[in-house]
N, C-alpha and C. Protein backbone atom coordinates (compact mmCIF):
# COMPACT_ATOMS: atom_id res chain seq x y z
N MET A 1 119.33 14.72 -35.44
CA MET A 1 119.26 13.01 -35.77
C MET A 1 120.57 13.11 -36.85
N LEU A 2 121.08 11.87 -36.80
CA LEU A 2 122.23 12.20 -38.02
C LEU A 2 121.70 11.01 -38.53
N ILE A 3 122.39 10.90 -39.61
CA ILE A 3 121.66 9.78 -40.62
C ILE A 3 122.88 9.19 -41.64
N ASN A 4 123.24 8.74 -42.01
CA ASN A 4 123.69 8.48 -43.45
C ASN A 4 123.47 8.41 -45.08
N CYS A 5 123.94 8.81 -45.36
CA CYS A 5 123.49 9.78 -46.45
C CYS A 5 124.12 8.67 -47.64
N PRO A 6 122.92 8.50 -48.26
CA PRO A 6 122.51 7.87 -49.20
C PRO A 6 123.57 7.28 -50.12
N GLU A 7 124.77 8.32 -50.63
CA GLU A 7 125.26 8.48 -52.00
C GLU A 7 126.13 8.13 -51.33
N CYS A 8 127.35 8.92 -49.85
CA CYS A 8 128.90 8.39 -49.61
C CYS A 8 129.02 8.08 -48.30
N GLY A 9 127.67 7.56 -47.63
CA GLY A 9 127.68 7.53 -46.94
C GLY A 9 128.01 7.95 -45.55
N HIS A 10 128.34 9.29 -45.81
CA HIS A 10 129.12 9.90 -44.69
C HIS A 10 127.34 10.50 -43.91
N GLN A 11 128.07 10.69 -42.12
CA GLN A 11 127.05 10.99 -41.92
C GLN A 11 125.83 12.56 -41.61
N VAL A 12 124.99 12.56 -42.01
CA VAL A 12 125.14 13.70 -41.82
C VAL A 12 123.40 13.95 -41.39
N SER A 13 123.43 15.78 -41.22
CA SER A 13 121.40 15.60 -40.12
C SER A 13 120.47 15.77 -41.33
N ASP A 14 119.71 14.52 -40.30
CA ASP A 14 118.06 14.41 -41.23
C ASP A 14 117.44 15.63 -41.50
N GLN A 15 117.13 16.67 -41.22
CA GLN A 15 117.03 18.05 -40.74
C GLN A 15 117.41 18.68 -42.51
N ALA A 16 119.27 18.36 -42.94
CA ALA A 16 119.69 18.84 -43.71
C ALA A 16 119.98 19.30 -45.55
N ALA A 17 118.79 20.09 -45.87
CA ALA A 17 118.66 19.68 -47.46
C ALA A 17 119.24 18.55 -48.31
N THR A 18 120.67 19.22 -47.70
CA THR A 18 121.45 18.36 -49.03
C THR A 18 122.68 17.64 -48.03
N CYS A 19 123.28 17.00 -48.78
CA CYS A 19 124.81 16.08 -47.96
C CYS A 19 125.74 17.15 -47.82
N PRO A 20 126.74 17.58 -47.14
CA PRO A 20 127.67 18.60 -46.71
C PRO A 20 128.76 18.25 -47.59
N SER A 21 129.04 16.52 -48.45
CA SER A 21 130.13 16.31 -48.73
C SER A 21 129.78 16.00 -50.27
N CYS A 22 128.61 15.38 -50.69
CA CYS A 22 128.85 15.33 -51.46
C CYS A 22 127.05 15.61 -52.79
N GLY A 23 126.95 16.74 -52.09
CA GLY A 23 125.88 17.72 -52.42
C GLY A 23 124.54 16.55 -52.81
N ILE A 24 124.07 16.11 -52.34
CA ILE A 24 123.11 14.82 -52.91
C ILE A 24 121.81 15.38 -51.95
N ALA A 25 120.69 15.54 -52.63
CA ALA A 25 119.54 15.82 -51.42
C ALA A 25 119.06 14.86 -50.53
N ILE A 26 119.39 15.61 -50.10
CA ILE A 26 118.65 14.39 -48.23
C ILE A 26 116.72 14.80 -48.20
N ALA A 27 116.76 12.72 -48.43
CA ALA A 27 115.12 12.57 -48.78
C ALA A 27 114.89 12.63 -47.25
N LYS A 28 113.59 14.16 -47.24
CA LYS A 28 113.09 14.17 -45.80
C LYS A 28 112.45 12.94 -45.19
N LYS A 29 112.36 11.99 -44.31
CA LYS A 29 111.25 11.45 -44.58
C LYS A 29 109.59 12.50 -43.58
N PRO A 30 108.42 11.82 -44.38
CA PRO A 30 107.26 12.14 -43.89
C PRO A 30 106.72 12.36 -42.44
N LYS A 31 107.01 13.51 -42.41
CA LYS A 31 106.15 13.19 -40.83
C LYS A 31 104.83 13.05 -40.83
N LYS A 32 104.64 11.49 -39.38
CA LYS A 32 102.54 10.99 -39.61
C LYS A 32 102.00 12.37 -39.10
N LYS A 33 101.06 11.92 -39.63
CA LYS A 33 100.32 13.39 -39.42
C LYS A 33 99.12 12.22 -38.63
N LYS A 34 98.51 13.14 -37.11
CA LYS A 34 97.48 12.66 -36.44
C LYS A 34 96.18 11.89 -37.27
N ASN A 35 95.78 10.51 -37.28
CA ASN A 35 94.50 10.38 -37.77
C ASN A 35 93.55 10.77 -36.74
N VAL A 36 93.45 12.22 -37.56
CA VAL A 36 92.31 13.38 -37.19
C VAL A 36 90.45 12.53 -37.65
N GLY A 37 90.60 12.05 -38.31
CA GLY A 37 89.67 11.30 -39.06
C GLY A 37 88.73 9.80 -37.45
N ARG A 38 89.70 9.40 -37.79
CA ARG A 38 89.78 8.38 -37.12
C ARG A 38 89.36 8.54 -36.09
N ILE A 39 89.73 9.54 -35.01
CA ILE A 39 89.17 10.07 -33.31
C ILE A 39 88.02 10.67 -33.66
N VAL A 40 88.11 11.36 -34.47
CA VAL A 40 86.81 11.40 -34.92
C VAL A 40 85.70 10.68 -34.84
N LEU A 41 85.79 9.36 -35.76
CA LEU A 41 85.26 9.27 -36.07
C LEU A 41 84.26 8.34 -34.29
N VAL A 42 86.10 7.77 -34.03
CA VAL A 42 85.10 7.09 -32.92
C VAL A 42 84.55 7.89 -31.04
N ALA A 43 85.29 9.56 -31.71
CA ALA A 43 84.52 10.22 -30.76
C ALA A 43 82.61 10.41 -30.91
N SER A 44 82.76 10.09 -32.20
CA SER A 44 81.01 10.11 -32.63
C SER A 44 80.49 8.72 -32.73
N PHE A 45 81.30 7.31 -32.03
CA PHE A 45 80.47 6.68 -31.79
C PHE A 45 80.55 6.39 -30.25
N VAL A 46 81.77 7.49 -29.77
CA VAL A 46 81.44 6.93 -28.20
C VAL A 46 79.99 7.94 -27.35
N LEU A 47 79.76 8.70 -28.67
CA LEU A 47 78.77 10.49 -27.98
C LEU A 47 77.81 9.04 -28.70
N ALA A 48 77.59 8.40 -29.35
CA ALA A 48 76.32 8.01 -29.89
C ALA A 48 75.68 6.94 -29.09
N VAL A 49 77.05 6.44 -28.29
CA VAL A 49 76.55 5.64 -27.48
C VAL A 49 76.18 5.70 -26.14
N ILE A 50 76.55 6.94 -25.95
CA ILE A 50 76.18 7.32 -24.58
C ILE A 50 74.54 8.09 -24.86
N ILE A 51 74.46 8.59 -25.93
CA ILE A 51 73.46 8.83 -26.27
C ILE A 51 72.12 7.81 -25.87
N VAL A 52 71.99 6.79 -26.87
CA VAL A 52 71.43 6.00 -27.25
C VAL A 52 71.20 5.32 -25.18
N ALA A 53 71.81 4.86 -25.21
CA ALA A 53 72.06 4.53 -23.40
C ALA A 53 71.25 5.61 -22.79
N ALA A 54 71.64 6.74 -22.73
CA ALA A 54 70.24 8.01 -22.19
C ALA A 54 68.68 7.65 -22.02
N GLY A 55 69.03 7.99 -23.93
CA GLY A 55 67.54 7.70 -24.32
C GLY A 55 66.79 6.59 -24.08
N ILE A 56 67.59 4.89 -23.47
CA ILE A 56 67.03 3.85 -23.22
C ILE A 56 66.60 4.28 -21.65
N PHE A 57 68.08 4.73 -20.67
CA PHE A 57 67.60 5.25 -19.68
C PHE A 57 66.52 6.04 -19.31
N ILE A 58 65.69 6.56 -19.91
CA ILE A 58 65.33 7.45 -20.16
C ILE A 58 62.97 7.42 -20.40
N TYR A 59 63.74 6.52 -21.01
CA TYR A 59 62.50 5.53 -21.85
C TYR A 59 61.80 4.19 -20.73
N ASN A 60 63.08 3.43 -20.31
CA ASN A 60 62.76 2.80 -19.17
C ASN A 60 62.48 3.22 -18.67
N ARG A 61 63.13 4.43 -17.40
CA ARG A 61 62.25 5.29 -16.39
C ARG A 61 60.87 5.88 -16.29
N GLN A 62 60.18 5.94 -17.74
CA GLN A 62 58.99 6.51 -17.92
C GLN A 62 57.58 5.72 -18.10
N GLU A 63 58.39 4.11 -18.86
CA GLU A 63 57.66 3.02 -18.58
C GLU A 63 57.65 2.89 -17.00
N GLU A 64 58.32 2.80 -16.47
CA GLU A 64 58.29 2.20 -14.76
C GLU A 64 57.50 2.51 -14.73
N GLN A 65 57.22 4.90 -14.87
CA GLN A 65 56.38 5.41 -13.67
C GLN A 65 54.92 5.18 -14.57
N ASN A 66 54.85 5.13 -15.78
CA ASN A 66 53.32 4.86 -16.37
C ASN A 66 53.10 3.27 -15.81
N GLU A 67 53.64 2.53 -15.05
CA GLU A 67 52.90 0.67 -14.70
C GLU A 67 53.01 1.76 -13.65
N LEU A 68 53.83 2.35 -13.04
CA LEU A 68 53.46 2.02 -11.63
C LEU A 68 52.25 3.46 -11.35
N HIS A 69 51.83 4.87 -12.17
CA HIS A 69 49.93 5.20 -12.32
C HIS A 69 49.92 4.60 -12.76
N ALA A 70 49.59 2.97 -13.31
CA ALA A 70 48.52 2.19 -14.34
C ALA A 70 48.56 1.72 -13.03
N TYR A 71 49.39 0.61 -12.22
CA TYR A 71 49.01 0.45 -10.98
C TYR A 71 48.16 0.14 -9.55
N GLU A 72 48.73 2.21 -9.99
CA GLU A 72 47.58 2.34 -8.35
C GLU A 72 46.36 2.67 -9.10
N ARG A 73 46.55 2.83 -10.14
CA ARG A 73 44.77 3.39 -10.39
C ARG A 73 43.89 2.78 -10.78
N ALA A 74 44.89 0.84 -10.78
CA ALA A 74 43.99 -0.45 -10.48
C ALA A 74 43.83 -1.07 -9.84
N MET A 75 44.55 -0.65 -8.89
CA MET A 75 44.29 -0.63 -7.09
C MET A 75 43.04 -0.76 -6.37
N GLN A 76 42.79 0.84 -7.18
CA GLN A 76 41.58 1.50 -6.27
C GLN A 76 40.88 1.44 -7.27
N SER A 77 40.80 0.58 -8.14
CA SER A 77 39.10 0.28 -9.33
C SER A 77 38.79 -1.11 -8.32
N ASP A 78 36.78 -0.36 -8.87
CA ASP A 78 36.07 -2.10 -8.21
C ASP A 78 36.36 -1.74 -9.65
N GLN A 79 36.42 -2.53 -10.60
CA GLN A 79 35.92 -3.10 -11.79
C GLN A 79 36.88 -3.77 -12.21
N PRO A 80 36.62 -5.03 -12.07
CA PRO A 80 37.67 -6.10 -12.78
C PRO A 80 38.14 -6.58 -14.29
N ALA A 81 37.07 -6.39 -14.98
CA ALA A 81 37.56 -5.07 -16.39
C ALA A 81 38.69 -4.05 -16.49
N VAL A 82 39.23 -3.93 -15.33
CA VAL A 82 40.08 -2.53 -15.19
C VAL A 82 41.91 -2.69 -14.75
N LEU A 83 41.24 -4.18 -14.18
CA LEU A 83 42.87 -4.77 -13.30
C LEU A 83 43.08 -6.05 -14.33
N GLN A 84 41.87 -6.30 -15.16
CA GLN A 84 42.78 -6.73 -16.03
C GLN A 84 42.86 -6.12 -16.64
N ASN A 85 43.19 -4.96 -17.76
CA ASN A 85 43.35 -4.26 -18.53
C ASN A 85 44.89 -4.11 -18.69
N TYR A 86 45.50 -4.01 -16.96
CA TYR A 86 46.43 -3.27 -16.89
C TYR A 86 46.88 -4.74 -16.92
N LEU A 87 46.66 -5.79 -16.55
CA LEU A 87 46.95 -7.12 -16.38
C LEU A 87 48.56 -7.13 -18.53
N ASP A 88 47.26 -7.36 -19.12
CA ASP A 88 47.19 -7.65 -20.32
C ASP A 88 47.78 -6.34 -20.97
N MET A 89 48.72 -5.10 -20.83
CA MET A 89 49.12 -3.86 -21.00
C MET A 89 49.97 -4.05 -21.07
N PHE A 90 50.70 -4.55 -19.09
CA PHE A 90 51.95 -4.33 -18.28
C PHE A 90 52.28 -5.74 -17.99
N THR A 91 53.54 -6.48 -19.53
CA THR A 91 53.28 -7.79 -19.16
C THR A 91 54.77 -8.07 -18.25
N GLN A 92 55.58 -7.11 -17.69
CA GLN A 92 56.91 -7.22 -17.64
C GLN A 92 57.04 -5.97 -16.86
N ALA A 93 55.26 -6.35 -15.85
CA ALA A 93 55.55 -5.41 -14.24
C ALA A 93 55.85 -6.13 -13.88
N PRO A 94 56.85 -5.89 -12.57
CA PRO A 94 57.28 -6.37 -11.10
C PRO A 94 55.89 -7.55 -11.20
N GLN A 95 56.58 -8.77 -11.12
CA GLN A 95 55.79 -9.86 -10.48
C GLN A 95 55.15 -9.29 -8.92
N ALA A 96 55.72 -9.24 -8.07
CA ALA A 96 54.66 -7.73 -6.67
C ALA A 96 54.07 -7.68 -7.42
N HIS A 97 53.26 -6.48 -8.40
CA HIS A 97 52.70 -5.29 -9.22
C HIS A 97 51.39 -7.02 -9.20
N ARG A 98 52.02 -7.02 -10.20
CA ARG A 98 51.06 -8.13 -10.94
C ARG A 98 50.87 -9.82 -10.01
N ASP A 99 51.14 -10.13 -9.01
CA ASP A 99 50.48 -10.71 -7.99
C ASP A 99 49.23 -10.03 -7.34
N SER A 100 49.21 -8.47 -6.98
CA SER A 100 48.43 -7.71 -6.31
C SER A 100 46.86 -7.93 -6.99
N VAL A 101 47.84 -7.49 -8.32
CA VAL A 101 45.80 -7.42 -8.66
C VAL A 101 45.33 -8.46 -9.59
N ALA A 102 46.72 -9.33 -9.67
CA ALA A 102 45.35 -10.40 -9.92
C ALA A 102 44.65 -11.59 -8.67
N SER A 103 44.88 -11.54 -7.50
CA SER A 103 44.96 -11.37 -6.05
C SER A 103 43.15 -10.30 -5.79
N ARG A 104 43.50 -9.07 -6.30
CA ARG A 104 42.42 -7.50 -6.67
C ARG A 104 41.47 -8.42 -7.96
N ILE A 105 41.95 -8.93 -9.07
CA ILE A 105 40.44 -9.06 -10.13
C ILE A 105 39.57 -10.14 -8.58
N THR A 106 40.65 -11.20 -8.28
CA THR A 106 39.57 -12.82 -7.49
C THR A 106 38.78 -11.99 -6.93
N GLN A 107 39.16 -11.10 -5.29
CA GLN A 107 38.80 -10.46 -4.70
C GLN A 107 36.98 -9.66 -5.40
N LEU A 108 37.15 -9.31 -6.19
CA LEU A 108 36.16 -8.43 -6.89
C LEU A 108 35.03 -9.36 -7.52
N ARG A 109 35.11 -10.64 -8.19
CA ARG A 109 34.49 -11.56 -8.36
C ARG A 109 34.11 -12.19 -6.77
N GLN A 110 34.82 -12.66 -6.35
CA GLN A 110 33.92 -12.98 -5.51
C GLN A 110 32.68 -11.94 -4.66
N VAL A 111 32.82 -11.11 -4.29
CA VAL A 111 32.69 -9.59 -4.09
C VAL A 111 30.78 -9.80 -5.68
N ASP A 112 31.28 -9.96 -6.12
CA ASP A 112 30.23 -10.14 -7.40
C ASP A 112 28.99 -11.82 -6.59
N VAL A 113 29.94 -12.50 -6.56
CA VAL A 113 29.45 -13.44 -5.99
C VAL A 113 28.49 -13.95 -5.21
N ASP A 114 28.91 -13.32 -3.84
CA ASP A 114 27.77 -12.43 -3.07
C ASP A 114 27.38 -11.80 -3.11
N TRP A 115 27.07 -11.15 -3.94
CA TRP A 115 25.95 -10.08 -4.29
C TRP A 115 25.51 -10.70 -4.83
N GLU A 116 24.88 -11.54 -5.78
CA GLU A 116 24.45 -12.45 -6.89
C GLU A 116 23.12 -13.69 -5.49
N ASN A 117 24.27 -14.25 -4.57
CA ASN A 117 23.29 -14.82 -3.80
C ASN A 117 22.25 -13.99 -2.71
N ALA A 118 22.88 -12.74 -2.39
CA ALA A 118 21.96 -12.08 -1.66
C ALA A 118 21.10 -11.46 -2.13
N LEU A 119 21.09 -11.05 -3.34
CA LEU A 119 20.02 -10.47 -4.09
C LEU A 119 18.77 -11.36 -4.84
N MET A 120 19.84 -12.66 -4.77
CA MET A 120 18.56 -13.76 -5.38
C MET A 120 18.31 -14.35 -3.90
N SER A 121 18.24 -14.09 -2.66
CA SER A 121 17.32 -14.30 -1.72
C SER A 121 17.04 -13.87 -0.92
N GLY A 122 16.94 -12.66 -1.35
CA GLY A 122 15.68 -12.48 -1.77
C GLY A 122 15.34 -11.79 -0.31
N LEU A 123 16.03 -11.44 0.67
CA LEU A 123 16.05 -11.67 2.77
C LEU A 123 16.73 -10.76 2.29
N LYS A 124 16.20 -9.48 3.77
CA LYS A 124 16.48 -7.96 4.46
C LYS A 124 18.11 -8.87 4.79
N SER A 125 17.94 -10.05 5.72
CA SER A 125 18.87 -10.32 6.17
C SER A 125 20.78 -10.85 5.79
N GLU A 126 20.31 -11.23 4.45
CA GLU A 126 21.35 -12.05 3.89
C GLU A 126 22.09 -10.35 2.99
N LEU A 127 20.89 -9.54 3.13
CA LEU A 127 21.65 -8.28 2.10
C LEU A 127 21.98 -7.36 2.97
N GLU A 128 21.37 -7.36 4.33
CA GLU A 128 22.47 -6.56 5.56
C GLU A 128 23.96 -7.18 5.65
N ARG A 129 23.18 -8.35 5.82
CA ARG A 129 25.31 -9.77 5.71
C ARG A 129 25.49 -9.00 4.71
N PHE A 130 25.23 -9.19 3.92
CA PHE A 130 26.26 -8.80 2.64
C PHE A 130 27.36 -7.05 2.46
N MET A 131 26.54 -6.23 3.72
CA MET A 131 27.00 -4.82 3.50
C MET A 131 28.03 -4.65 4.54
N GLN A 132 28.00 -6.34 5.14
CA GLN A 132 28.24 -6.27 6.69
C GLN A 132 30.10 -6.34 6.52
N ARG A 133 30.14 -7.28 5.26
CA ARG A 133 30.87 -8.23 4.70
C ARG A 133 31.75 -7.63 3.78
N HIS A 134 31.52 -5.93 2.29
CA HIS A 134 31.90 -5.15 2.16
C HIS A 134 31.19 -4.09 1.90
N PRO A 135 31.94 -3.86 2.97
CA PRO A 135 31.04 -1.93 3.43
C PRO A 135 31.70 -1.30 2.49
N ASN A 136 33.51 -1.38 1.43
CA ASN A 136 32.90 -0.83 -0.02
C ASN A 136 32.43 -1.00 -0.92
N SER A 137 31.75 -1.77 -1.22
CA SER A 137 31.36 -2.28 -2.48
C SER A 137 30.77 -1.81 -3.02
N VAL A 138 30.52 -1.79 -4.35
CA VAL A 138 29.90 -0.52 -5.27
C VAL A 138 27.91 -1.51 -5.63
N HIS A 139 27.84 -1.99 -4.96
CA HIS A 139 27.08 -2.84 -4.69
C HIS A 139 25.63 -1.98 -3.61
N ASN A 140 26.34 -2.02 -2.91
CA ASN A 140 25.70 -1.37 -1.24
C ASN A 140 24.55 -0.48 -1.65
N VAL A 141 24.59 0.74 -2.53
CA VAL A 141 23.44 1.52 -2.90
C VAL A 141 22.38 0.50 -3.54
N GLU A 142 22.84 -0.87 -4.40
CA GLU A 142 21.31 -1.38 -4.62
C GLU A 142 20.71 -2.17 -3.57
N ALA A 143 21.58 -2.34 -2.90
CA ALA A 143 21.29 -3.22 -1.53
C ALA A 143 20.49 -2.67 -0.67
N ARG A 144 21.08 -1.58 -0.31
CA ARG A 144 20.06 -0.33 0.70
C ARG A 144 18.70 0.27 -0.79
N LEU A 145 18.15 -0.33 -1.31
CA LEU A 145 17.71 0.49 -2.15
C LEU A 145 16.91 -1.07 -1.32
N GLN A 146 17.13 -2.38 -2.15
CA GLN A 146 15.92 -3.63 -1.76
C GLN A 146 16.04 -3.47 -0.27
N ILE A 147 16.47 -3.53 0.05
CA ILE A 147 16.05 -3.38 1.22
C ILE A 147 15.26 -3.05 1.77
N ASP A 148 14.93 -1.47 1.24
CA ASP A 148 14.26 -0.06 1.72
C ASP A 148 12.85 -0.37 1.73
N SER A 149 13.36 -1.17 -0.29
CA SER A 149 11.66 -2.16 -0.76
C SER A 149 10.91 -2.88 -0.02
N LEU A 150 11.46 -3.82 0.90
CA LEU A 150 11.54 -5.32 1.79
C LEU A 150 10.60 -4.71 2.92
N ASP A 151 11.41 -3.25 3.29
CA ASP A 151 10.82 -2.69 4.63
C ASP A 151 9.48 -2.08 4.68
N TRP A 152 9.15 -1.68 3.12
CA TRP A 152 8.29 -0.92 2.87
C TRP A 152 7.17 -1.74 2.91
N VAL A 153 7.55 -3.23 2.53
CA VAL A 153 6.40 -4.09 1.89
C VAL A 153 5.76 -4.21 3.41
N ALA A 154 6.59 -4.90 4.01
CA ALA A 154 6.50 -5.50 5.53
C ALA A 154 6.03 -4.47 6.42
N ALA A 155 6.49 -3.08 5.84
CA ALA A 155 5.51 -2.39 7.26
C ALA A 155 3.33 -1.79 6.64
N CYS A 156 3.58 -1.83 4.90
CA CYS A 156 2.67 -2.34 3.85
C CYS A 156 1.51 -3.41 4.48
N ALA A 157 1.99 -5.02 5.17
CA ALA A 157 1.53 -5.76 4.89
C ALA A 157 0.96 -6.31 6.67
N ALA A 158 1.98 -5.00 7.49
CA ALA A 158 0.74 -5.03 8.99
C ALA A 158 0.11 -3.82 8.59
N ASN A 159 -0.03 -3.23 7.56
CA ASN A 159 -0.52 -1.63 7.92
C ASN A 159 -1.23 -1.26 9.43
N THR A 160 -0.09 -1.79 10.50
CA THR A 160 -0.02 -0.25 11.53
C THR A 160 0.88 0.71 11.55
N SER A 161 0.04 1.65 12.74
CA SER A 161 1.21 2.46 12.76
C SER A 161 2.27 2.68 12.93
N GLU A 162 2.51 1.59 14.39
CA GLU A 162 3.59 0.95 14.75
C GLU A 162 4.55 0.86 13.81
N ALA A 163 3.57 -0.35 12.36
CA ALA A 163 4.82 -0.78 11.62
C ALA A 163 5.75 0.38 10.59
N TYR A 164 4.40 1.52 10.27
CA TYR A 164 4.27 2.98 9.58
C TYR A 164 6.14 3.53 10.29
N GLN A 165 5.98 3.47 11.69
CA GLN A 165 6.55 3.96 11.97
C GLN A 165 7.96 3.92 12.00
N ALA A 166 8.06 1.71 12.93
CA ALA A 166 9.24 1.54 12.50
C ALA A 166 9.59 2.47 10.87
N TYR A 167 8.86 1.97 10.35
CA TYR A 167 9.88 2.28 8.43
C TYR A 167 10.39 3.49 8.66
N LEU A 168 9.79 4.70 8.75
CA LEU A 168 9.93 6.19 8.78
C LEU A 168 11.38 6.75 9.75
N THR A 169 11.26 5.42 10.59
CA THR A 169 12.52 6.26 11.71
C THR A 169 14.00 4.77 11.34
N ASN A 170 13.49 3.83 10.43
CA ASN A 170 14.92 3.15 9.89
C ASN A 170 14.98 3.04 8.38
N HIS A 171 14.05 4.54 7.83
CA HIS A 171 14.64 4.96 6.14
C HIS A 171 13.95 6.75 6.04
N TYR A 172 14.48 7.46 6.76
CA TYR A 172 13.75 9.03 6.61
C TYR A 172 14.43 9.33 5.32
N GLU A 173 15.40 9.13 4.91
CA GLU A 173 15.48 9.38 2.64
C GLU A 173 14.66 8.37 2.30
N GLY A 174 13.67 7.02 2.24
CA GLY A 174 13.67 6.27 2.22
C GLY A 174 12.31 6.44 1.20
N ALA A 175 12.73 5.60 -0.31
CA ALA A 175 11.73 6.33 -2.05
C ALA A 175 10.84 6.20 -1.22
N HIS A 176 9.76 5.75 -0.08
CA HIS A 176 8.48 5.48 0.35
C HIS A 176 8.42 6.34 1.64
N TYR A 177 9.19 7.49 2.19
CA TYR A 177 8.56 7.95 3.02
C TYR A 177 7.66 8.46 3.28
N ASP A 178 7.42 9.75 2.36
CA ASP A 178 6.30 10.30 2.57
C ASP A 178 5.01 9.25 2.17
N GLU A 179 4.61 8.20 1.37
CA GLU A 179 3.88 7.50 1.74
C GLU A 179 3.49 7.10 2.51
N ALA A 180 5.38 6.47 3.60
CA ALA A 180 4.59 5.97 4.29
C ALA A 180 3.88 7.04 5.93
N MET A 181 4.26 8.39 5.48
CA MET A 181 4.09 9.62 6.70
C MET A 181 2.38 9.67 6.47
N ASN A 182 1.59 9.24 5.00
CA ASN A 182 0.39 9.35 4.87
C ASN A 182 -0.21 7.97 5.78
N ALA A 183 0.59 7.00 5.03
CA ALA A 183 -0.26 5.85 6.08
C ALA A 183 0.02 5.51 7.96
N TYR A 184 1.05 6.27 8.05
CA TYR A 184 1.45 6.65 9.61
C TYR A 184 0.26 7.05 10.04
N ASP A 185 -0.53 7.96 9.30
CA ASP A 185 -2.07 9.52 10.11
C ASP A 185 -2.80 8.58 9.77
N HIS A 186 -2.85 7.79 8.76
CA HIS A 186 -4.30 7.15 8.09
C HIS A 186 -4.87 6.02 9.06
N ALA A 187 -3.48 5.17 9.67
CA ALA A 187 -3.32 4.11 10.49
C ALA A 187 -3.46 4.44 11.83
N ARG A 188 -2.66 5.68 12.50
CA ARG A 188 -3.58 6.01 13.91
C ARG A 188 -4.90 6.95 13.79
N GLU A 189 -5.26 7.71 12.47
CA GLU A 189 -7.11 7.26 12.65
C GLU A 189 -7.35 6.24 13.10
N VAL A 190 -7.56 5.01 12.38
CA VAL A 190 -8.44 4.25 11.86
C VAL A 190 -7.55 3.51 13.30
N GLU A 191 -7.12 3.25 13.64
CA GLU A 191 -6.38 2.75 15.52
C GLU A 191 -7.21 3.89 16.65
N GLU A 192 -7.29 4.92 16.62
CA GLU A 192 -7.84 5.82 17.82
C GLU A 192 -9.60 5.28 17.19
N ALA A 193 -9.63 5.55 16.35
CA ALA A 193 -11.83 5.06 15.98
C ALA A 193 -11.88 3.93 16.90
N ARG A 194 -10.63 2.61 16.88
CA ARG A 194 -11.60 1.63 16.80
C ARG A 194 -11.15 1.48 18.59
N ARG A 195 -10.18 1.56 18.91
CA ARG A 195 -9.79 2.46 20.66
C ARG A 195 -11.25 3.13 21.15
N ARG A 196 -11.62 3.89 20.42
CA ARG A 196 -13.30 4.65 20.77
C ARG A 196 -14.29 3.87 20.88
N GLN A 197 -14.04 3.14 19.58
CA GLN A 197 -15.34 2.20 19.39
C GLN A 197 -15.30 1.28 20.42
N ALA A 198 -14.14 0.84 20.82
CA ALA A 198 -14.23 -0.97 21.75
C ALA A 198 -14.61 0.41 23.55
N VAL A 199 -14.30 1.63 23.66
CA VAL A 199 -14.59 2.09 24.28
C VAL A 199 -16.07 1.56 25.10
N GLN A 200 -16.98 2.42 24.19
CA GLN A 200 -17.88 3.15 23.55
C GLN A 200 -18.54 1.35 23.73
N ASP A 201 -19.09 1.02 23.81
CA ASP A 201 -18.83 -0.58 23.43
C ASP A 201 -18.56 -1.73 24.99
N SER A 202 -17.56 -0.95 25.71
CA SER A 202 -16.80 -1.67 26.94
C SER A 202 -18.67 -1.29 28.00
N ILE A 203 -18.54 -0.13 27.32
CA ILE A 203 -19.89 0.92 28.38
C ILE A 203 -21.19 0.38 27.85
N ARG A 204 -21.24 0.37 27.43
CA ARG A 204 -22.71 -0.42 27.00
C ARG A 204 -23.19 -1.65 27.51
N ARG A 205 -21.55 -2.85 27.72
CA ARG A 205 -21.35 -4.00 27.98
C ARG A 205 -22.09 -3.83 29.41
N VAL A 206 -21.24 -2.51 29.84
CA VAL A 206 -21.08 -2.44 31.35
C VAL A 206 -22.52 -2.13 32.18
N ASP A 207 -23.36 -1.02 31.52
CA ASP A 207 -24.66 -0.21 31.02
C ASP A 207 -25.23 -2.15 30.96
N SER A 208 -25.59 -2.70 29.82
CA SER A 208 -26.48 -3.39 29.83
C SER A 208 -26.77 -4.71 31.17
N ILE A 209 -25.28 -4.55 31.83
CA ILE A 209 -25.06 -4.92 32.66
C ILE A 209 -25.79 -4.80 34.08
N ARG A 210 -25.21 -3.39 34.36
CA ARG A 210 -26.48 -3.36 35.39
C ARG A 210 -27.78 -3.30 35.76
N GLN A 211 -28.64 -2.89 33.64
CA GLN A 211 -30.12 -2.79 33.69
C GLN A 211 -29.97 -4.21 34.10
N ALA A 212 -29.67 -5.12 33.98
CA ALA A 212 -29.77 -6.31 34.16
C ALA A 212 -30.44 -6.48 35.79
N SER A 213 -29.07 -6.45 36.14
CA SER A 213 -28.79 -6.33 38.31
C SER A 213 -29.92 -5.87 38.28
N LEU A 214 -30.35 -4.93 37.89
CA LEU A 214 -31.73 -3.98 38.54
C LEU A 214 -33.12 -4.44 38.29
N ILE A 215 -33.55 -5.37 37.31
CA ILE A 215 -34.43 -6.06 37.48
C ILE A 215 -35.07 -7.01 38.21
N ILE A 216 -35.87 -6.52 39.64
CA ILE A 216 -36.91 -7.75 40.11
C ILE A 216 -37.69 -8.62 39.69
N PRO A 217 -37.53 -9.08 40.04
CA PRO A 217 -38.91 -10.54 39.79
C PRO A 217 -39.69 -10.15 39.99
N VAL A 218 -40.67 -10.60 39.58
CA VAL A 218 -42.66 -10.16 39.54
C VAL A 218 -43.27 -12.37 40.72
N GLU A 219 -43.99 -10.60 41.53
CA GLU A 219 -43.72 -13.09 42.52
C GLU A 219 -45.63 -12.77 42.31
N GLU A 220 -45.39 -13.70 42.17
CA GLU A 220 -47.19 -14.50 41.86
C GLU A 220 -48.16 -14.51 42.98
């Protein structure tokens, strides 16, 4: 590239060390250096942004997985406190999940109300009705124990072999099974003794009637 000599005005190459006409030194324009530092800074900033974004993505992904696992555990639980804990911990959970958990809490609380009513009634029919309405309730174990107790009391009140046999049939693993077996055997013995006594009494009555019919009146 040709430039004008600052001393004599003749044209001279910008790469020349001196002007060939006047011999003055030609000041060369310094080459522009690339701003390496700025490029490094920009590259570092971009990399930092990428790392932060990736970290946020991984964190959010992990939080989603944690929420999903907690939701599944909560929906499998029969304890209202467990479900309420989910609602308290995951306030930003999907609304569909929160609605399902809230509905589950309402259902479980209604089960508890139904159980208290059945238990307070003291009736076998109400306990059986509760188990039919809530076949998976945790209260069903206690309901079966209550029915076992009620049937045993009823069998003892009747105190017949038939009543004890009914208990044994319906509660082959009942809490009073051994007692019922002994009571059944005793009741059978008592009933058999009564039957034999009744037969003997019947025979005596027949004999008395026959003897009375054989008496002949004495004529004067």
